[in-house]
Amino acid sequence: MARRALSITVTTLTATAALLLTGCGGGGDDSTPDDIKGADSGASSPSASASATESAPTGVTRPVVTLPDNFQLTFENWTSSDPEKQALLTDAKEQLRAGYASIIANKPDGNEALAFYDTESGLSQDRQWIKTYTGKNLTVFGKLPAFDPTVTIGANKTSASLSYCTDESKAYSKNRKTGEVAGNPAGTNPEIFYIASLAKNEQGVWQNVSLRSERGACS
């Protein structure tokens, strides 16, 4: 159920697919459904993200992202005493949540929030990632913690990198029609290391530009 774990640079959504595609069940075969544990169609009512209201940067109205209770995307220690880094972490969390919300809502072109938190190139790649699920009639569910974030902001204050890890051992995908559930194949390392490139737009929103990922590279 994780984004596609690749050792090369890819866009945010393509990398996100590693968790859900190769991480949750398919083993990297695009013909094999990847499901996220907990994504029972219609089984849970959507809930608003706490992160959307916790320290959202000011200056522009940000979209509210909701996820169903059966998909628990959590962020461990995504806090910083530096206001600029905290603003980036908050926007990055909502971008990730928006991507999964699009999969669960069966929206192949993404939702308003994803377009808000992605650059044009990032959105194009995210749509490719989402369609690896929606095109196979898949949704996701389960528990997916994101942890160990590290932020580096460039000297120009408008570009930055964010690295973090995810653990997809309890995340799954599910076929909306057949109910078939898939997870990581036995022996697969459930942790994936990500490095994302971000850019701050004129409204002060940190948007995802690209992503690199490597399975098993978390310390």
N, C-alpha and C. Protein backbone atom coordinates (compact mmCIF):
# COMPACT_ATOMS: atom_id res chain seq x y z
N MET A 1 0.80 -1.20 0.00
CA MET A 1 0.00 0.00 0.00
C MET A 1 0.83 1.24 0.00
N ALA A 2 2.10 1.11 0.03
CA ALA A 2 2.94 2.28 0.07
C ALA A 2 3.19 2.82 -1.32
N ARG A 3 3.81 3.95 -1.39
CA ARG A 3 4.20 4.49 -2.69
C ARG A 3 5.24 3.57 -3.29
N ARG A 4 5.40 3.65 -4.57
CA ARG A 4 6.35 2.77 -5.22
C ARG A 4 7.75 3.09 -4.72
N ALA A 5 8.41 2.10 -4.14
CA ALA A 5 9.73 2.33 -3.58
C ALA A 5 10.77 2.17 -4.66
N LEU A 6 11.36 3.26 -5.08
CA LEU A 6 12.37 3.23 -6.11
C LEU A 6 13.63 3.90 -5.60
N SER A 7 14.74 3.50 -6.12
CA SER A 7 16.00 4.10 -5.68
C SER A 7 16.39 5.26 -6.58
N ILE A 8 15.48 5.65 -7.48
CA ILE A 8 15.75 6.78 -8.35
C ILE A 8 14.78 7.90 -8.02
N THR A 9 15.07 9.08 -8.50
CA THR A 9 14.19 10.22 -8.22
C THR A 9 12.92 10.11 -9.04
N VAL A 10 11.80 10.25 -8.35
CA VAL A 10 10.51 10.22 -9.02
C VAL A 10 9.65 11.30 -8.42
N THR A 11 8.50 11.55 -8.97
CA THR A 11 7.65 12.58 -8.42
C THR A 11 6.99 12.07 -7.17
N THR A 12 6.40 12.98 -6.43
CA THR A 12 5.82 12.64 -5.15
C THR A 12 4.84 11.51 -5.23
N LEU A 13 3.92 11.53 -6.16
CA LEU A 13 2.90 10.50 -6.20
C LEU A 13 3.47 9.19 -6.63
N THR A 14 4.39 9.21 -7.57
CA THR A 14 4.98 7.96 -8.01
C THR A 14 5.66 7.29 -6.84
N ALA A 15 6.35 8.07 -6.04
CA ALA A 15 7.01 7.50 -4.89
C ALA A 15 5.99 7.03 -3.88
N THR A 16 4.90 7.77 -3.76
CA THR A 16 3.88 7.38 -2.80
C THR A 16 3.32 6.04 -3.17
N ALA A 17 3.24 5.77 -4.44
CA ALA A 17 2.69 4.50 -4.90
C ALA A 17 3.51 3.35 -4.39
N ALA A 18 4.73 3.59 -4.00
CA ALA A 18 5.57 2.51 -3.53
C ALA A 18 4.94 1.86 -2.33
N LEU A 19 4.43 2.67 -1.43
CA LEU A 19 3.84 2.12 -0.22
C LEU A 19 2.61 1.31 -0.55
N LEU A 20 1.78 1.85 -1.42
CA LEU A 20 0.53 1.17 -1.70
C LEU A 20 0.70 0.11 -2.76
N LEU A 21 1.61 0.26 -3.68
CA LEU A 21 1.74 -0.70 -4.75
C LEU A 21 2.69 -1.82 -4.42
N THR A 22 3.93 -1.52 -4.17
CA THR A 22 4.87 -2.59 -3.87
C THR A 22 4.87 -2.92 -2.40
N GLY A 23 4.50 -1.94 -1.57
CA GLY A 23 4.55 -2.16 -0.14
C GLY A 23 3.40 -2.96 0.38
N CYS A 24 2.21 -2.70 -0.14
CA CYS A 24 1.06 -3.35 0.43
C CYS A 24 0.70 -4.64 -0.22
N GLY A 25 1.20 -4.95 -1.36
CA GLY A 25 0.79 -6.23 -1.86
C GLY A 25 1.30 -6.64 -3.20
N GLY A 26 1.46 -5.74 -4.16
CA GLY A 26 1.76 -6.15 -5.51
C GLY A 26 3.16 -6.64 -5.74
N GLY A 27 4.09 -6.29 -4.90
CA GLY A 27 5.46 -6.72 -5.12
C GLY A 27 6.08 -6.08 -6.33
N GLY A 28 5.52 -4.94 -6.77
CA GLY A 28 6.11 -4.22 -7.89
C GLY A 28 5.51 -4.57 -9.22
N ASP A 29 4.64 -5.56 -9.30
CA ASP A 29 4.00 -5.93 -10.55
C ASP A 29 2.78 -5.05 -10.75
N ASP A 30 2.80 -4.22 -11.78
CA ASP A 30 1.70 -3.28 -12.00
C ASP A 30 0.39 -3.99 -12.26
N SER A 31 0.43 -5.27 -12.60
CA SER A 31 -0.81 -5.99 -12.87
C SER A 31 -1.41 -6.57 -11.61
N THR A 32 -0.68 -6.49 -10.50
CA THR A 32 -1.16 -7.05 -9.25
C THR A 32 -1.72 -5.98 -8.36
N PRO A 33 -2.97 -6.15 -7.86
CA PRO A 33 -3.57 -5.13 -7.01
C PRO A 33 -2.80 -4.96 -5.72
N ASP A 34 -2.65 -3.70 -5.29
CA ASP A 34 -2.02 -3.41 -4.00
C ASP A 34 -3.06 -2.77 -3.12
N ASP A 35 -3.39 -3.33 -1.98
CA ASP A 35 -4.43 -2.77 -1.14
C ASP A 35 -3.89 -2.32 0.19
N ILE A 36 -4.53 -1.33 0.79
CA ILE A 36 -4.12 -0.82 2.08
C ILE A 36 -5.08 -1.33 3.13
N LYS A 37 -4.59 -1.86 4.18
CA LYS A 37 -5.41 -2.42 5.24
C LYS A 37 -6.30 -1.37 5.85
N GLY A 38 -7.58 -1.69 5.99
CA GLY A 38 -8.50 -0.76 6.62
C GLY A 38 -9.34 0.02 5.66
N ALA A 39 -9.19 -0.18 4.37
CA ALA A 39 -9.95 0.62 3.42
C ALA A 39 -11.19 -0.10 2.96
N ASP A 40 -12.02 -0.52 3.86
CA ASP A 40 -13.26 -1.17 3.49
C ASP A 40 -14.18 -0.11 2.90
N SER A 41 -14.69 -0.39 1.73
CA SER A 41 -15.53 0.59 1.05
C SER A 41 -16.78 0.87 1.85
N GLY A 42 -16.91 2.14 2.28
CA GLY A 42 -18.10 2.55 3.00
C GLY A 42 -18.17 2.07 4.43
N ALA A 43 -17.12 1.44 4.92
CA ALA A 43 -17.16 0.87 6.26
C ALA A 43 -17.00 1.91 7.35
N SER A 44 -16.34 2.99 7.04
CA SER A 44 -16.08 4.00 8.07
C SER A 44 -16.43 5.37 7.56
N SER A 45 -16.83 6.22 8.48
CA SER A 45 -17.14 7.59 8.10
C SER A 45 -15.86 8.40 8.12
N PRO A 46 -15.71 9.36 7.17
CA PRO A 46 -14.48 10.15 7.11
C PRO A 46 -14.35 11.07 8.31
N SER A 47 -13.13 11.29 8.71
CA SER A 47 -12.88 12.19 9.82
C SER A 47 -11.86 13.23 9.40
N ALA A 48 -12.01 14.42 9.89
CA ALA A 48 -11.08 15.49 9.53
C ALA A 48 -9.75 15.25 10.20
N SER A 49 -8.68 15.66 9.53
CA SER A 49 -7.36 15.46 10.08
C SER A 49 -7.08 16.43 11.21
N ALA A 50 -6.49 15.90 12.27
CA ALA A 50 -6.11 16.78 13.37
C ALA A 50 -5.01 17.72 12.92
N SER A 51 -4.14 17.24 12.01
CA SER A 51 -3.03 18.07 11.58
C SER A 51 -3.51 19.29 10.80
N ALA A 52 -4.70 19.21 10.25
CA ALA A 52 -5.20 20.34 9.47
C ALA A 52 -5.55 21.51 10.37
N THR A 53 -5.78 21.20 11.63
CA THR A 53 -6.18 22.26 12.54
C THR A 53 -5.12 22.54 13.60
N GLU A 54 -4.12 21.71 13.66
CA GLU A 54 -3.08 21.86 14.68
C GLU A 54 -2.11 22.97 14.41
N SER A 55 -1.63 23.62 13.94
CA SER A 55 -0.58 24.54 13.60
C SER A 55 -0.53 24.82 12.11
N ALA A 56 -1.74 24.97 11.51
CA ALA A 56 -1.76 25.29 10.08
C ALA A 56 -1.19 26.67 9.86
N PRO A 57 -0.30 26.83 8.88
CA PRO A 57 0.28 28.15 8.61
C PRO A 57 -0.81 29.15 8.26
N THR A 58 -0.58 30.41 8.63
CA THR A 58 -1.57 31.45 8.37
C THR A 58 -1.30 32.12 7.03
N GLY A 59 -2.23 32.97 6.61
CA GLY A 59 -2.02 33.74 5.39
C GLY A 59 -2.86 33.30 4.22
N VAL A 60 -3.27 32.04 4.17
CA VAL A 60 -4.09 31.54 3.08
C VAL A 60 -4.95 30.41 3.63
N THR A 61 -6.18 30.34 3.14
CA THR A 61 -7.09 29.29 3.60
C THR A 61 -6.72 27.96 2.97
N ARG A 62 -6.40 26.99 3.78
CA ARG A 62 -6.02 25.68 3.29
C ARG A 62 -7.23 24.74 3.27
N PRO A 63 -7.29 23.83 2.28
CA PRO A 63 -8.41 22.90 2.20
C PRO A 63 -8.38 21.91 3.36
N VAL A 64 -9.56 21.44 3.74
CA VAL A 64 -9.68 20.45 4.80
C VAL A 64 -9.63 19.05 4.17
N VAL A 65 -8.74 18.21 4.65
CA VAL A 65 -8.59 16.85 4.13
C VAL A 65 -9.20 15.88 5.13
N THR A 66 -10.02 14.96 4.66
CA THR A 66 -10.62 13.96 5.54
C THR A 66 -10.25 12.56 5.08
N LEU A 67 -10.07 11.69 6.04
CA LEU A 67 -9.77 10.28 5.78
C LEU A 67 -10.71 9.44 6.64
N PRO A 68 -11.08 8.24 6.18
CA PRO A 68 -11.95 7.37 6.97
C PRO A 68 -11.21 6.82 8.18
N ASP A 69 -11.96 6.45 9.20
CA ASP A 69 -11.35 5.94 10.43
C ASP A 69 -10.56 4.65 10.21
N ASN A 70 -10.88 3.92 9.15
CA ASN A 70 -10.18 2.64 8.95
C ASN A 70 -8.84 2.79 8.25
N PHE A 71 -8.45 4.03 7.94
CA PHE A 71 -7.10 4.27 7.43
C PHE A 71 -6.43 5.30 8.34
N GLN A 72 -5.50 4.83 9.15
CA GLN A 72 -4.85 5.68 10.14
C GLN A 72 -3.46 6.07 9.66
N LEU A 73 -3.39 7.23 9.02
CA LEU A 73 -2.12 7.79 8.57
C LEU A 73 -1.63 8.72 9.68
N THR A 74 -0.59 8.33 10.38
CA THR A 74 -0.13 9.08 11.54
C THR A 74 1.26 9.66 11.29
N PHE A 75 1.57 10.72 12.02
CA PHE A 75 2.83 11.44 11.85
C PHE A 75 3.51 11.59 13.21
N GLU A 76 4.57 10.84 13.39
CA GLU A 76 5.27 10.81 14.67
C GLU A 76 6.38 11.86 14.70
N ASN A 77 6.29 12.78 15.66
CA ASN A 77 7.31 13.80 15.87
C ASN A 77 7.47 14.76 14.68
N TRP A 78 6.36 15.04 14.00
CA TRP A 78 6.42 16.01 12.90
C TRP A 78 6.23 17.41 13.46
N THR A 79 7.11 17.79 14.35
CA THR A 79 7.06 19.11 14.97
C THR A 79 8.45 19.74 14.97
N SER A 80 8.46 21.05 14.97
CA SER A 80 9.73 21.78 14.99
C SER A 80 9.54 23.09 15.73
N SER A 81 10.56 23.53 16.44
CA SER A 81 10.52 24.81 17.13
C SER A 81 10.74 25.97 16.15
N ASP A 82 11.20 25.63 14.95
CA ASP A 82 11.41 26.63 13.90
C ASP A 82 10.09 26.81 13.16
N PRO A 83 9.49 28.01 13.19
CA PRO A 83 8.19 28.24 12.55
C PRO A 83 8.17 27.90 11.06
N GLU A 84 9.24 28.19 10.34
CA GLU A 84 9.27 27.91 8.91
C GLU A 84 9.29 26.41 8.64
N LYS A 85 10.08 25.69 9.44
CA LYS A 85 10.12 24.24 9.27
C LYS A 85 8.79 23.60 9.66
N GLN A 86 8.16 24.16 10.70
CA GLN A 86 6.86 23.63 11.11
C GLN A 86 5.82 23.87 10.02
N ALA A 87 5.89 25.02 9.37
CA ALA A 87 4.96 25.31 8.28
C ALA A 87 5.13 24.30 7.15
N LEU A 88 6.37 23.98 6.84
CA LEU A 88 6.63 22.98 5.80
C LEU A 88 6.11 21.61 6.20
N LEU A 89 6.38 21.20 7.44
CA LEU A 89 5.92 19.89 7.90
C LEU A 89 4.40 19.78 7.86
N THR A 90 3.73 20.86 8.23
CA THR A 90 2.26 20.85 8.23
C THR A 90 1.71 20.71 6.82
N ASP A 91 2.28 21.47 5.88
CA ASP A 91 1.82 21.37 4.49
C ASP A 91 2.15 20.00 3.90
N ALA A 92 3.32 19.47 4.21
CA ALA A 92 3.72 18.16 3.68
C ALA A 92 2.81 17.05 4.19
N LYS A 93 2.40 17.14 5.44
CA LYS A 93 1.47 16.15 5.99
C LYS A 93 0.15 16.17 5.24
N GLU A 94 -0.36 17.35 5.00
CA GLU A 94 -1.65 17.45 4.32
C GLU A 94 -1.57 17.00 2.87
N GLN A 95 -0.42 17.22 2.24
CA GLN A 95 -0.25 16.75 0.86
C GLN A 95 -0.31 15.23 0.80
N LEU A 96 0.35 14.60 1.74
CA LEU A 96 0.35 13.13 1.78
C LEU A 96 -1.04 12.60 2.06
N ARG A 97 -1.74 13.24 2.99
CA ARG A 97 -3.10 12.82 3.33
C ARG A 97 -4.03 13.02 2.14
N ALA A 98 -3.84 14.11 1.39
CA ALA A 98 -4.69 14.38 0.24
C ALA A 98 -4.54 13.32 -0.83
N GLY A 99 -3.33 12.80 -1.01
CA GLY A 99 -3.11 11.75 -1.99
C GLY A 99 -3.88 10.49 -1.64
N TYR A 100 -3.78 10.05 -0.40
CA TYR A 100 -4.49 8.86 0.03
C TYR A 100 -6.01 9.08 0.04
N ALA A 101 -6.43 10.29 0.37
CA ALA A 101 -7.85 10.60 0.35
C ALA A 101 -8.40 10.46 -1.07
N SER A 102 -7.61 10.82 -2.07
CA SER A 102 -8.03 10.69 -3.46
C SER A 102 -8.21 9.23 -3.85
N ILE A 103 -7.30 8.38 -3.39
CA ILE A 103 -7.42 6.95 -3.68
C ILE A 103 -8.68 6.39 -3.04
N ILE A 104 -8.88 6.69 -1.78
CA ILE A 104 -10.02 6.15 -1.04
C ILE A 104 -11.34 6.66 -1.62
N ALA A 105 -11.36 7.89 -2.10
CA ALA A 105 -12.57 8.47 -2.68
C ALA A 105 -12.75 8.08 -4.15
N ASN A 106 -11.78 7.31 -4.68
CA ASN A 106 -11.83 6.84 -6.07
C ASN A 106 -11.84 8.00 -7.05
N LYS A 107 -10.93 8.96 -6.81
CA LYS A 107 -10.80 10.12 -7.68
C LYS A 107 -9.45 10.05 -8.41
N PRO A 108 -9.43 9.49 -9.63
CA PRO A 108 -8.17 9.28 -10.34
C PRO A 108 -7.39 10.55 -10.64
N ASP A 109 -8.07 11.68 -10.76
CA ASP A 109 -7.37 12.94 -11.04
C ASP A 109 -7.04 13.72 -9.77
N GLY A 110 -7.26 13.10 -8.63
CA GLY A 110 -6.96 13.76 -7.37
C GLY A 110 -8.09 14.66 -6.92
N ASN A 111 -7.88 15.32 -5.80
CA ASN A 111 -8.90 16.20 -5.25
C ASN A 111 -8.37 17.63 -5.18
N GLU A 112 -9.20 18.53 -4.71
CA GLU A 112 -8.82 19.94 -4.62
C GLU A 112 -7.60 20.14 -3.73
N ALA A 113 -7.54 19.39 -2.64
CA ALA A 113 -6.43 19.54 -1.71
C ALA A 113 -5.11 19.11 -2.34
N LEU A 114 -5.14 18.04 -3.13
CA LEU A 114 -3.91 17.57 -3.76
C LEU A 114 -3.39 18.61 -4.75
N ALA A 115 -4.29 19.19 -5.51
CA ALA A 115 -3.89 20.24 -6.45
C ALA A 115 -3.33 21.45 -5.71
N PHE A 116 -3.83 21.69 -4.51
CA PHE A 116 -3.37 22.81 -3.70
C PHE A 116 -1.95 22.59 -3.20
N TYR A 117 -1.64 21.36 -2.81
CA TYR A 117 -0.34 21.06 -2.21
C TYR A 117 0.70 20.52 -3.18
N ASP A 118 0.36 20.39 -4.46
CA ASP A 118 1.29 19.91 -5.47
C ASP A 118 1.64 21.01 -6.45
N THR A 119 2.84 20.97 -6.98
CA THR A 119 3.17 21.79 -8.14
C THR A 119 2.54 21.11 -9.35
N GLU A 120 2.60 21.73 -10.49
CA GLU A 120 2.01 21.15 -11.70
C GLU A 120 2.63 19.79 -12.03
N SER A 121 3.95 19.71 -11.93
CA SER A 121 4.62 18.44 -12.22
C SER A 121 4.31 17.41 -11.15
N GLY A 122 4.22 17.86 -9.90
CA GLY A 122 3.90 16.93 -8.83
C GLY A 122 2.50 16.37 -8.98
N LEU A 123 1.55 17.19 -9.37
CA LEU A 123 0.18 16.73 -9.55
C LEU A 123 0.07 15.72 -10.69
N SER A 124 0.81 15.97 -11.76
CA SER A 124 0.80 15.04 -12.89
C SER A 124 1.26 13.65 -12.47
N GLN A 125 2.33 13.61 -11.68
CA GLN A 125 2.85 12.33 -11.22
C GLN A 125 1.94 11.71 -10.17
N ASP A 126 1.34 12.52 -9.33
CA ASP A 126 0.44 12.01 -8.32
C ASP A 126 -0.76 11.32 -8.96
N ARG A 127 -1.23 11.91 -10.06
CA ARG A 127 -2.35 11.31 -10.76
C ARG A 127 -1.98 9.93 -11.31
N GLN A 128 -0.75 9.80 -11.77
CA GLN A 128 -0.30 8.49 -12.25
C GLN A 128 -0.32 7.48 -11.11
N TRP A 129 0.14 7.93 -9.95
CA TRP A 129 0.16 7.05 -8.77
C TRP A 129 -1.25 6.64 -8.37
N ILE A 130 -2.15 7.62 -8.27
CA ILE A 130 -3.53 7.34 -7.86
C ILE A 130 -4.19 6.35 -8.81
N LYS A 131 -3.93 6.49 -10.11
CA LYS A 131 -4.58 5.63 -11.10
C LYS A 131 -4.07 4.19 -11.04
N THR A 132 -2.93 3.97 -10.39
CA THR A 132 -2.50 2.59 -10.21
C THR A 132 -3.44 1.87 -9.25
N TYR A 133 -4.20 2.63 -8.48
CA TYR A 133 -5.22 2.07 -7.59
C TYR A 133 -6.60 2.13 -8.21
N THR A 134 -7.01 3.34 -8.58
CA THR A 134 -8.36 3.50 -9.10
C THR A 134 -8.56 2.71 -10.39
N GLY A 135 -7.49 2.58 -11.19
CA GLY A 135 -7.58 1.83 -12.42
C GLY A 135 -7.80 0.34 -12.20
N LYS A 136 -7.47 -0.14 -11.00
CA LYS A 136 -7.66 -1.55 -10.64
C LYS A 136 -8.78 -1.72 -9.63
N ASN A 137 -9.52 -0.63 -9.40
CA ASN A 137 -10.65 -0.64 -8.47
C ASN A 137 -10.20 -0.94 -7.05
N LEU A 138 -9.06 -0.38 -6.66
CA LEU A 138 -8.50 -0.63 -5.34
C LEU A 138 -8.68 0.58 -4.42
N THR A 139 -8.76 0.28 -3.13
CA THR A 139 -8.73 1.30 -2.10
C THR A 139 -7.69 0.86 -1.08
N VAL A 140 -7.50 1.65 -0.03
CA VAL A 140 -6.48 1.32 0.97
C VAL A 140 -7.06 1.44 2.37
N PHE A 141 -6.44 0.71 3.31
CA PHE A 141 -6.89 0.79 4.71
C PHE A 141 -5.77 0.30 5.62
N GLY A 142 -5.94 0.45 6.91
CA GLY A 142 -4.94 0.00 7.86
C GLY A 142 -4.24 1.14 8.58
N LYS A 143 -3.00 0.86 9.01
CA LYS A 143 -2.22 1.84 9.76
C LYS A 143 -0.91 2.12 9.03
N LEU A 144 -0.64 3.39 8.83
CA LEU A 144 0.58 3.80 8.14
C LEU A 144 1.24 4.95 8.89
N PRO A 145 2.22 4.65 9.73
CA PRO A 145 2.94 5.72 10.43
C PRO A 145 4.04 6.32 9.56
N ALA A 146 4.18 7.63 9.61
CA ALA A 146 5.27 8.34 8.97
C ALA A 146 6.10 8.96 10.09
N PHE A 147 7.40 8.72 10.08
CA PHE A 147 8.22 9.11 11.23
C PHE A 147 9.61 9.56 10.81
N ASP A 148 10.36 10.08 11.79
CA ASP A 148 11.73 10.56 11.62
C ASP A 148 11.86 11.62 10.51
N PRO A 149 11.05 12.68 10.53
CA PRO A 149 11.18 13.72 9.51
C PRO A 149 12.40 14.61 9.75
N THR A 150 13.06 14.99 8.67
CA THR A 150 14.17 15.94 8.73
C THR A 150 13.97 16.96 7.62
N VAL A 151 13.99 18.24 7.99
CA VAL A 151 13.75 19.32 7.03
C VAL A 151 15.03 20.11 6.82
N THR A 152 15.34 20.40 5.56
CA THR A 152 16.44 21.29 5.21
C THR A 152 15.91 22.35 4.26
N ILE A 153 15.92 23.60 4.69
CA ILE A 153 15.42 24.70 3.87
C ILE A 153 16.59 25.41 3.20
N GLY A 154 16.45 25.66 1.90
CA GLY A 154 17.52 26.29 1.14
C GLY A 154 17.76 27.73 1.54
N ALA A 155 18.89 28.26 1.13
CA ALA A 155 19.27 29.64 1.47
C ALA A 155 18.27 30.65 0.92
N ASN A 156 17.60 30.30 -0.19
CA ASN A 156 16.63 31.22 -0.78
C ASN A 156 15.28 31.21 -0.06
N LYS A 157 15.12 30.29 0.89
CA LYS A 157 13.92 30.18 1.73
C LYS A 157 12.67 29.77 0.94
N THR A 158 12.83 29.41 -0.33
CA THR A 158 11.67 29.00 -1.13
C THR A 158 11.81 27.58 -1.67
N SER A 159 12.90 26.92 -1.37
CA SER A 159 13.09 25.52 -1.76
C SER A 159 13.56 24.75 -0.54
N ALA A 160 13.23 23.48 -0.50
CA ALA A 160 13.59 22.69 0.68
C ALA A 160 13.53 21.20 0.35
N SER A 161 14.09 20.40 1.25
CA SER A 161 13.99 18.95 1.14
C SER A 161 13.44 18.42 2.46
N LEU A 162 12.72 17.33 2.36
CA LEU A 162 12.14 16.67 3.53
C LEU A 162 12.36 15.18 3.40
N SER A 163 13.00 14.60 4.40
CA SER A 163 13.17 13.15 4.42
C SER A 163 12.35 12.58 5.57
N TYR A 164 11.85 11.38 5.38
CA TYR A 164 11.08 10.70 6.42
C TYR A 164 10.96 9.22 6.08
N CYS A 165 10.45 8.46 7.02
CA CYS A 165 10.26 7.03 6.81
C CYS A 165 8.80 6.67 7.02
N THR A 166 8.37 5.58 6.40
CA THR A 166 7.05 5.02 6.66
C THR A 166 7.20 3.54 6.95
N ASP A 167 6.25 3.03 7.70
CA ASP A 167 6.21 1.60 8.03
C ASP A 167 4.87 1.05 7.55
N GLU A 168 4.90 0.28 6.46
CA GLU A 168 3.68 -0.21 5.86
C GLU A 168 3.31 -1.63 6.28
N SER A 169 3.87 -2.09 7.40
CA SER A 169 3.61 -3.47 7.83
C SER A 169 2.15 -3.73 8.17
N LYS A 170 1.41 -2.65 8.50
CA LYS A 170 0.00 -2.83 8.84
C LYS A 170 -0.90 -2.04 7.90
N ALA A 171 -0.41 -1.80 6.69
CA ALA A 171 -1.18 -1.08 5.67
C ALA A 171 -1.50 -2.05 4.53
N TYR A 172 -2.69 -1.91 3.98
CA TYR A 172 -3.15 -2.86 2.97
C TYR A 172 -3.96 -2.18 1.87
N SER A 173 -4.16 -2.93 0.78
CA SER A 173 -5.05 -2.49 -0.28
C SER A 173 -6.20 -3.48 -0.40
N LYS A 174 -7.30 -3.03 -0.98
CA LYS A 174 -8.48 -3.88 -1.08
C LYS A 174 -9.23 -3.60 -2.38
N ASN A 175 -9.66 -4.67 -3.05
CA ASN A 175 -10.44 -4.53 -4.26
C ASN A 175 -11.88 -4.18 -3.90
N ARG A 176 -12.37 -3.08 -4.44
CA ARG A 176 -13.70 -2.61 -4.09
C ARG A 176 -14.80 -3.59 -4.49
N LYS A 177 -14.59 -4.35 -5.56
CA LYS A 177 -15.61 -5.27 -6.04
C LYS A 177 -15.50 -6.64 -5.40
N THR A 178 -14.29 -7.21 -5.39
CA THR A 178 -14.12 -8.59 -4.90
C THR A 178 -13.84 -8.67 -3.41
N GLY A 179 -13.36 -7.56 -2.82
CA GLY A 179 -13.00 -7.58 -1.41
C GLY A 179 -11.64 -8.18 -1.14
N GLU A 180 -10.90 -8.54 -2.20
CA GLU A 180 -9.57 -9.14 -2.03
C GLU A 180 -8.62 -8.14 -1.38
N VAL A 181 -7.93 -8.60 -0.36
CA VAL A 181 -6.99 -7.76 0.39
C VAL A 181 -5.56 -8.22 0.12
N ALA A 182 -4.65 -7.28 -0.02
CA ALA A 182 -3.24 -7.61 -0.25
C ALA A 182 -2.36 -6.77 0.66
N GLY A 183 -1.22 -7.35 1.04
CA GLY A 183 -0.25 -6.65 1.87
C GLY A 183 1.14 -6.92 1.35
N ASN A 184 2.15 -6.56 2.10
CA ASN A 184 3.52 -6.81 1.67
C ASN A 184 3.79 -8.31 1.58
N PRO A 185 4.48 -8.75 0.55
CA PRO A 185 4.85 -10.16 0.45
C PRO A 185 5.77 -10.54 1.62
N ALA A 186 5.73 -11.79 2.02
CA ALA A 186 6.57 -12.26 3.11
C ALA A 186 8.04 -11.97 2.81
N GLY A 187 8.75 -11.49 3.82
CA GLY A 187 10.17 -11.20 3.66
C GLY A 187 10.48 -9.81 3.14
N THR A 188 9.44 -9.03 2.81
CA THR A 188 9.65 -7.67 2.31
C THR A 188 9.85 -6.71 3.47
N ASN A 189 10.88 -5.88 3.38
CA ASN A 189 11.11 -4.87 4.41
C ASN A 189 9.96 -3.86 4.37
N PRO A 190 9.22 -3.67 5.46
CA PRO A 190 8.06 -2.80 5.44
C PRO A 190 8.38 -1.31 5.53
N GLU A 191 9.64 -0.96 5.79
CA GLU A 191 9.98 0.45 5.96
C GLU A 191 10.57 1.04 4.68
N ILE A 192 10.10 2.24 4.35
CA ILE A 192 10.57 2.93 3.15
C ILE A 192 11.07 4.32 3.53
N PHE A 193 12.23 4.66 2.99
CA PHE A 193 12.83 5.98 3.23
C PHE A 193 12.50 6.89 2.05
N TYR A 194 12.03 8.10 2.35
CA TYR A 194 11.66 9.07 1.32
C TYR A 194 12.46 10.36 1.47
N ILE A 195 12.78 10.95 0.32
CA ILE A 195 13.33 12.31 0.30
C ILE A 195 12.49 13.11 -0.70
N ALA A 196 11.80 14.11 -0.21
CA ALA A 196 10.93 14.92 -1.06
C ALA A 196 11.55 16.30 -1.30
N SER A 197 11.35 16.82 -2.49
CA SER A 197 11.73 18.20 -2.81
C SER A 197 10.47 19.05 -2.77
N LEU A 198 10.56 20.20 -2.14
CA LEU A 198 9.40 21.08 -2.01
C LEU A 198 9.77 22.51 -2.43
N ALA A 199 8.76 23.25 -2.82
CA ALA A 199 8.94 24.66 -3.19
C ALA A 199 7.82 25.48 -2.57
N LYS A 200 8.15 26.66 -2.08
CA LYS A 200 7.14 27.55 -1.52
C LYS A 200 6.60 28.45 -2.62
N ASN A 201 5.27 28.47 -2.77
CA ASN A 201 4.68 29.31 -3.82
C ASN A 201 4.46 30.73 -3.32
N GLU A 202 3.86 31.57 -4.16
CA GLU A 202 3.69 32.98 -3.82
C GLU A 202 2.74 33.18 -2.65
N GLN A 203 1.88 32.22 -2.41
CA GLN A 203 0.94 32.31 -1.28
C GLN A 203 1.55 31.80 0.02
N GLY A 204 2.79 31.33 -0.04
CA GLY A 204 3.45 30.83 1.16
C GLY A 204 3.16 29.37 1.47
N VAL A 205 2.62 28.64 0.49
CA VAL A 205 2.32 27.22 0.69
C VAL A 205 3.48 26.38 0.19
N TRP A 206 3.91 25.43 1.02
CA TRP A 206 4.96 24.51 0.62
C TRP A 206 4.33 23.39 -0.21
N GLN A 207 4.75 23.29 -1.48
CA GLN A 207 4.19 22.30 -2.40
C GLN A 207 5.21 21.22 -2.73
N ASN A 208 4.71 20.01 -2.92
CA ASN A 208 5.57 18.89 -3.25
C ASN A 208 5.94 18.92 -4.73
N VAL A 209 7.22 18.80 -5.02
CA VAL A 209 7.71 18.85 -6.39
C VAL A 209 8.12 17.48 -6.90
N SER A 210 8.89 16.75 -6.10
CA SER A 210 9.39 15.43 -6.53
C SER A 210 9.73 14.60 -5.30
N LEU A 211 9.92 13.30 -5.52
CA LEU A 211 10.19 12.39 -4.40
C LEU A 211 11.12 11.25 -4.82
N ARG A 212 12.04 10.91 -3.94
CA ARG A 212 12.91 9.76 -4.14
C ARG A 212 12.66 8.81 -3.00
N SER A 213 12.67 7.52 -3.26
CA SER A 213 12.39 6.57 -2.18
C SER A 213 13.28 5.34 -2.29
N GLU A 214 13.50 4.70 -1.15
CA GLU A 214 14.30 3.46 -1.13
C GLU A 214 13.79 2.57 0.00
N ARG A 215 13.36 1.40 -0.37
CA ARG A 215 12.87 0.44 0.64
C ARG A 215 14.05 -0.09 1.46
N GLY A 216 13.85 -0.15 2.77
CA GLY A 216 14.86 -0.72 3.65
C GLY A 216 15.98 0.22 4.02
N ALA A 217 15.88 1.50 3.63
CA ALA A 217 16.97 2.44 3.90
C ALA A 217 16.78 3.25 5.16
N CYS A 218 15.71 2.98 5.93
CA CYS A 218 15.52 3.69 7.19
C CYS A 218 16.48 3.15 8.25
N SER A 219 17.02 4.06 9.06
CA SER A 219 17.97 3.63 10.08
C SER A 219 17.24 3.04 11.28
